[in-house]
């Protein structure tokens, strides 16, 4: 039997996952926790074989919880089960030691496969999540100036307004934007902002 614990701030999600676990003869429900603060201590006390952990929780982010769990027990098996497909979330989760990243809307069979894969010590990703991870892994970062220009652009500023805000010439702004487009693989300003936000390189407007 594989003992599975759940960490998620939504009761309905925990209830659904508990039902999924109890309906599978090879899985055993080990317990549940409703937030990020104290979650690592919960895992240390319950000592499940596999932990299903949400990425986005209001009191403490799942990536931070993951780091705490792995620090306390480097052999802990954690699968991120979430609605977030932000590239930075996917990348950081796997880099921090998660053994899987699965969307909550995935079929029951996929979630079960992720749990079994983690139990075996393998990293589980669907084709879509793997594509997101590989894209982020190979992505070029933005300089501080490029990121600043895109943040202003995301708020609707044109080159003249960006130049004034950054104390630069419009030509310098155009150069920063062109470099950002190239690094992000974007064809225009709107796409560059969208990709930068998705990759966690700038905050949402």
Protein backbone atom coordinates (compact mmCIF):
# COMPACT_ATOMS: atom_id res chain seq x y z
CA UNK A 1 0.00 0.00 0.00
CA UNK A 2 1.14 3.53 -0.80
CA UNK A 3 0.27 5.97 1.99
CA UNK A 4 -0.72 9.34 0.49
CA UNK A 5 -1.15 12.68 2.28
CA UNK A 6 -2.85 15.78 0.88
CA UNK A 7 -1.94 19.44 1.43
CA UNK A 8 -4.40 21.90 -0.13
CA UNK A 9 -6.28 24.94 1.17
CA UNK A 10 -9.55 23.98 -0.54
CA UNK A 11 -11.78 21.53 1.34
CA UNK A 12 -13.55 20.36 -1.82
CA UNK A 13 -10.20 19.50 -3.45
CA UNK A 14 -9.03 17.56 -0.41
CA UNK A 15 -12.35 15.71 -0.29
CA UNK A 16 -12.11 14.74 -3.96
CA UNK A 17 -8.53 13.56 -3.65
CA UNK A 18 -9.35 11.58 -0.50
CA UNK A 19 -12.15 9.83 -2.41
CA UNK A 20 -9.75 9.06 -5.27
CA UNK A 21 -7.20 7.58 -2.88
CA UNK A 22 -9.69 5.49 -0.92
CA UNK A 23 -11.20 4.12 -4.14
CA UNK A 24 -7.82 2.73 -5.24
CA UNK A 25 -6.96 -0.61 -3.58
CA UNK A 26 -3.23 0.12 -3.84
CA UNK A 27 -3.46 3.49 -2.06
CA UNK A 28 -4.11 4.43 1.56
CA UNK A 29 -5.17 7.85 2.84
CA UNK A 30 -2.55 9.08 5.34
CA UNK A 31 -4.06 12.44 6.29
CA UNK A 32 -4.77 15.96 5.08
CA UNK A 33 -3.68 19.51 5.89
CA UNK A 34 -5.38 22.75 4.90
CA UNK A 35 -2.58 25.26 4.34
CA UNK A 36 1.09 25.99 3.89
CA UNK A 37 2.02 27.15 7.38
CA UNK A 38 2.74 24.04 9.45
CA UNK A 39 2.49 21.73 6.43
CA UNK A 40 6.11 20.56 6.63
CA UNK A 41 5.63 19.66 10.29
CA UNK A 42 2.45 17.78 9.35
CA UNK A 43 4.38 15.71 6.80
CA UNK A 44 7.14 15.02 9.31
CA UNK A 45 4.57 13.74 11.77
CA UNK A 46 2.47 11.68 9.36
CA UNK A 47 5.43 10.38 7.32
CA UNK A 48 3.44 9.48 4.17
CA UNK A 49 4.98 7.60 1.26
CA UNK A 50 3.81 10.32 -1.15
CA UNK A 51 2.51 13.84 -0.50
CA UNK A 52 0.19 15.67 -2.91
CA UNK A 53 0.97 19.38 -2.51
CA UNK A 54 -0.80 22.41 -3.96
CA UNK A 55 1.41 25.12 -5.47
CA UNK A 56 -0.78 28.14 -4.72
CA UNK A 57 -1.90 28.58 -1.10
CA UNK A 58 -2.65 31.96 0.48
CA UNK A 59 -0.70 31.62 3.72
CA UNK A 60 2.48 30.06 2.31
CA UNK A 61 3.31 29.02 -1.26
CA UNK A 62 3.66 25.35 -2.12
CA UNK A 63 7.19 25.79 -3.48
CA UNK A 64 8.33 27.10 -0.09
CA UNK A 65 6.57 24.20 1.64
CA UNK A 66 8.20 21.76 -0.78
CA UNK A 67 11.61 23.20 0.08
CA UNK A 68 10.91 22.79 3.80
CA UNK A 69 9.75 19.19 3.35
CA UNK A 70 12.79 18.22 1.26
CA UNK A 71 15.17 19.99 3.66
CA UNK A 72 13.74 18.03 6.59
CA UNK A 73 13.74 14.76 4.64
CA UNK A 74 15.70 14.62 1.35
CA UNK A 75 14.01 11.31 0.54
CA UNK A 76 10.47 12.73 0.79
CA UNK A 77 8.33 12.08 -2.28
CA UNK A 78 6.20 15.07 -3.26
CA UNK A 79 3.90 15.52 -6.24
CA UNK A 80 2.68 19.04 -7.02
CA UNK A 81 -1.02 18.86 -7.88
CA UNK A 82 -2.30 22.28 -8.94
CA UNK A 83 -4.22 24.50 -11.34
CA UNK A 84 -1.11 26.60 -12.06
CA UNK A 85 0.70 26.07 -15.36
CA UNK A 86 2.96 29.10 -14.90
CA UNK A 87 6.37 28.13 -16.27
CA UNK A 88 8.23 29.44 -13.23
CA UNK A 89 6.06 27.31 -10.90
CA UNK A 90 6.69 24.18 -12.94
CA UNK A 91 10.42 24.86 -13.21
CA UNK A 92 10.98 25.72 -9.55
CA UNK A 93 8.95 22.76 -8.31
CA UNK A 94 10.98 20.23 -10.26
CA UNK A 95 14.26 21.99 -9.52
CA UNK A 96 13.44 22.01 -5.80
CA UNK A 97 12.91 18.26 -5.79
CA UNK A 98 9.26 17.52 -6.60
CA UNK A 99 8.77 14.10 -8.19
CA UNK A 100 5.84 15.20 -10.29
CA UNK A 101 3.75 18.14 -11.46
CA UNK A 102 0.15 17.37 -12.38
CA UNK A 103 -2.81 19.61 -13.13
CA UNK A 104 -5.83 19.09 -10.86
CA UNK A 105 -8.14 18.67 -13.83
CA UNK A 106 -6.11 15.66 -15.02
CA UNK A 107 -7.90 12.30 -15.31
CA UNK A 108 -7.90 10.06 -12.23
CA UNK A 109 -5.56 7.67 -14.03
CA UNK A 110 -2.94 10.41 -14.48
CA UNK A 111 -3.00 11.36 -10.79
CA UNK A 112 -2.72 7.71 -9.83
CA UNK A 113 0.19 7.25 -12.24
CA UNK A 114 1.96 10.27 -10.73
CA UNK A 115 1.62 8.82 -7.22
CA UNK A 116 3.00 5.44 -8.31
CA UNK A 117 5.82 7.09 -10.26
CA UNK A 118 6.81 9.15 -7.21
CA UNK A 119 6.75 6.04 -5.05
CA UNK A 120 9.28 4.50 -7.46
CA UNK A 121 11.44 7.62 -7.18
CA UNK A 122 10.79 8.79 -10.74
CA UNK A 123 9.74 12.26 -11.89
CA UNK A 124 6.29 12.29 -13.49
CA UNK A 125 5.20 14.98 -15.96
CA UNK A 126 2.53 14.93 -18.63
CA UNK A 127 3.70 15.86 -22.13
CA UNK A 128 2.28 19.39 -21.72
CA UNK A 129 3.97 19.97 -18.35
CA UNK A 130 7.24 18.57 -19.69
CA UNK A 131 7.05 21.03 -22.60
CA UNK A 132 6.48 23.90 -20.16
CA UNK A 133 9.42 22.75 -18.02
CA UNK A 134 11.80 22.37 -20.96
CA UNK A 135 10.77 25.77 -22.35
CA UNK A 136 11.47 27.49 -19.04
CA UNK A 137 14.71 25.56 -18.50
CA UNK A 138 16.09 26.74 -21.82
CA UNK A 139 14.68 30.27 -21.56
CA UNK A 140 17.04 33.24 -21.37
CA UNK A 141 16.54 35.58 -18.42
CA UNK A 142 15.79 39.28 -18.67
CA UNK A 143 18.11 42.01 -17.46
CA UNK A 144 16.79 44.34 -14.73
CA UNK A 145 16.28 47.11 -17.30
CA UNK A 146 14.49 44.85 -19.77
CA UNK A 147 12.18 43.62 -17.02
CA UNK A 148 11.50 47.18 -15.86
CA UNK A 149 10.59 48.26 -19.40
CA UNK A 150 8.20 45.31 -19.77
CA UNK A 151 6.57 46.05 -16.41
CA UNK A 152 5.85 49.59 -17.58
CA UNK A 153 4.62 48.27 -20.94
CA UNK A 154 2.27 45.88 -19.13
CA UNK A 155 0.67 48.93 -17.50
CA UNK A 156 0.00 50.50 -20.89
CA UNK A 157 2.98 52.82 -21.16
CA UNK A 158 4.35 53.60 -24.62
CA UNK A 159 8.02 54.04 -25.46
CA UNK A 160 7.94 57.75 -24.63
CA UNK A 161 6.40 57.15 -21.21
CA UNK A 162 8.79 54.27 -20.52
CA UNK A 163 11.76 56.44 -21.51
CA UNK A 164 10.64 59.21 -19.15
CA UNK A 165 10.03 56.81 -16.26
CA UNK A 166 13.41 55.09 -16.71
CA UNK A 167 15.32 58.32 -17.52
CA UNK A 168 16.39 56.94 -20.89
CA UNK A 169 16.13 57.92 -24.54
CA UNK A 170 13.37 56.36 -26.64
CA UNK A 171 16.07 54.63 -28.72
CA UNK A 172 17.42 52.97 -25.56
CA UNK A 173 13.92 51.78 -24.67
CA UNK A 174 13.48 50.34 -28.16
CA UNK A 175 16.79 48.49 -27.75
CA UNK A 176 15.74 47.02 -24.40
CA UNK A 177 12.40 45.96 -25.83
CA UNK A 178 14.02 44.33 -28.87
CA UNK A 179 16.37 42.37 -26.61
CA UNK A 180 13.43 41.29 -24.46
CA UNK A 181 11.49 40.17 -27.55
CA UNK A 182 14.45 38.08 -28.68
CA UNK A 183 15.04 36.44 -25.30
CA UNK A 184 11.36 35.61 -24.87
CA UNK A 185 10.79 34.55 -28.47
CA UNK A 186 8.02 37.14 -28.75
CA UNK A 187 6.79 38.78 -31.92
CA UNK A 188 5.38 41.93 -30.32
CA UNK A 189 4.98 43.84 -27.08
CA UNK A 190 1.75 42.18 -25.97
CA UNK A 191 3.20 38.70 -26.46
CA UNK A 192 6.41 39.68 -24.66
CA UNK A 193 4.47 40.88 -21.63
CA UNK A 194 2.31 37.76 -21.64
CA UNK A 195 5.32 35.42 -21.82
CA UNK A 196 7.27 37.35 -19.17
CA UNK A 197 4.34 37.10 -16.76
CA UNK A 198 3.81 33.42 -17.53
CA UNK A 199 7.48 32.67 -16.85
CA UNK A 200 7.43 34.60 -13.61
CA UNK A 201 9.94 37.18 -14.90
CA UNK A 202 7.63 40.14 -14.18
CA UNK A 203 4.54 40.38 -11.94
CA UNK A 204 1.04 40.51 -13.45
CA UNK A 205 -0.16 44.07 -14.17
